[in-house]
């Protein structure tokens, strides 16, 4: 399974804080992959956290 975490500005904003990203990653089913994307200034933190999560967690996009 593949999941995409979307963050950024707007009504459905998901904060790109490390604790939020790790909580979402930890909620995934076993062997699931994930990617992240975000809008505006949230894009860089989302990319960094996704990269770190893929190595720290053993899965990721």
C-alpha atoms as a PDB file:
ATOM      1  CA  UNK A   1       0.000   0.000   0.000  1.00  0.00           C
ATOM      2  CA  UNK A   2       1.100   3.529  -0.722  1.00  0.00           C
ATOM      3  CA  UNK A   3       0.088   6.647   1.189  1.00  0.00           C
ATOM      4  CA  UNK A   4       0.720  10.338   0.572  1.00  0.00           C
ATOM      5  CA  UNK A   5       0.799  12.765   3.508  1.00  0.00           C
ATOM      6  CA  UNK A   6      -0.219  16.222   2.288  1.00  0.00           C
ATOM      7  CA  UNK A   7       0.545  19.337   4.317  1.00  0.00           C
ATOM      8  CA  UNK A   8       0.514  23.042   3.798  1.00  0.00           C
ATOM      9  CA  UNK A   9      -1.811  25.969   4.001  1.00  0.00           C
ATOM     10  CA  UNK A  10      -5.566  25.589   3.887  1.00  0.00           C
ATOM     11  CA  UNK A  11      -8.566  24.215   5.710  1.00  0.00           C
ATOM     12  CA  UNK A  12      -7.267  20.653   5.847  1.00  0.00           C
ATOM     13  CA  UNK A  13      -3.728  21.524   6.867  1.00  0.00           C
ATOM     14  CA  UNK A  14      -1.621  18.770   8.390  1.00  0.00           C
ATOM     15  CA  UNK A  15       1.264  20.270  10.364  1.00  0.00           C
ATOM     16  CA  UNK A  16       4.689  19.149   9.166  1.00  0.00           C
ATOM     17  CA  UNK A  17       6.100  18.827  12.668  1.00  0.00           C
ATOM     18  CA  UNK A  18       8.217  15.756  13.456  1.00  0.00           C
ATOM     19  CA  UNK A  19       5.762  14.439  16.088  1.00  0.00           C
ATOM     20  CA  UNK A  20       2.819  14.623  13.668  1.00  0.00           C
ATOM     21  CA  UNK A  21       4.733  12.999  10.823  1.00  0.00           C
ATOM     22  CA  UNK A  22       5.955  10.155  13.053  1.00  0.00           C
ATOM     23  CA  UNK A  23       2.429   9.585  14.406  1.00  0.00           C
ATOM     24  CA  UNK A  24       1.101   9.279  10.849  1.00  0.00           C
ATOM     25  CA  UNK A  25       3.964   6.972   9.847  1.00  0.00           C
ATOM     26  CA  UNK A  26       3.402   4.803  12.916  1.00  0.00           C
ATOM     27  CA  UNK A  27      -0.307   4.496  12.039  1.00  0.00           C
ATOM     28  CA  UNK A  28       0.465   2.895   8.669  1.00  0.00           C
ATOM     29  CA  UNK A  29      -0.020  -0.818   8.120  1.00  0.00           C
ATOM     30  CA  UNK A  30       3.110  -2.997   8.049  1.00  0.00           C
ATOM     31  CA  UNK A  31       5.191  -2.734   4.862  1.00  0.00           C
ATOM     32  CA  UNK A  32       3.320   0.361   3.655  1.00  0.00           C
ATOM     33  CA  UNK A  33       5.159   3.061   1.726  1.00  0.00           C
ATOM     34  CA  UNK A  34       4.610   6.768   2.126  1.00  0.00           C
ATOM     35  CA  UNK A  35       5.456  10.014   0.415  1.00  0.00           C
ATOM     36  CA  UNK A  36       4.914  13.576   1.519  1.00  0.00           C
ATOM     37  CA  UNK A  37       4.121  16.816  -0.219  1.00  0.00           C
ATOM     38  CA  UNK A  38       3.153  20.244   0.999  1.00  0.00           C
ATOM     39  CA  UNK A  39       2.378  23.742  -0.178  1.00  0.00           C
ATOM     40  CA  UNK A  40       4.574  26.802   0.236  1.00  0.00           C
ATOM     41  CA  UNK A  41       6.935  27.020   3.191  1.00  0.00           C
ATOM     42  CA  UNK A  42       5.784  23.623   4.483  1.00  0.00           C
ATOM     43  CA  UNK A  43       7.287  21.814   1.466  1.00  0.00           C
ATOM     44  CA  UNK A  44      10.906  21.733   2.658  1.00  0.00           C
ATOM     45  CA  UNK A  45      10.127  20.413   6.169  1.00  0.00           C
ATOM     46  CA  UNK A  46       7.838  17.782   4.623  1.00  0.00           C
ATOM     47  CA  UNK A  47      10.622  16.614   2.297  1.00  0.00           C
ATOM     48  CA  UNK A  48      13.191  16.479   5.093  1.00  0.00           C
ATOM     49  CA  UNK A  49      10.868  14.589   7.440  1.00  0.00           C
ATOM     50  CA  UNK A  50       9.878  12.112   4.741  1.00  0.00           C
ATOM     51  CA  UNK A  51      13.516  11.400   3.909  1.00  0.00           C
ATOM     52  CA  UNK A  52      14.396  10.917   7.579  1.00  0.00           C
ATOM     53  CA  UNK A  53      11.313   8.775   8.152  1.00  0.00           C
ATOM     54  CA  UNK A  54      12.108   6.481   5.271  1.00  0.00           C
ATOM     55  CA  UNK A  55      15.502   5.659   6.746  1.00  0.00           C
ATOM     56  CA  UNK A  56      14.567   5.778  10.437  1.00  0.00           C
ATOM     57  CA  UNK A  57      11.380   3.781   9.943  1.00  0.00           C
ATOM     58  CA  UNK A  58      12.463   1.361   7.256  1.00  0.00           C
ATOM     59  CA  UNK A  59       9.784   2.505   4.852  1.00  0.00           C
ATOM     60  CA  UNK A  60       8.966   5.686   3.027  1.00  0.00           C
ATOM     61  CA  UNK A  61       8.901   7.417  -0.256  1.00  0.00           C
END
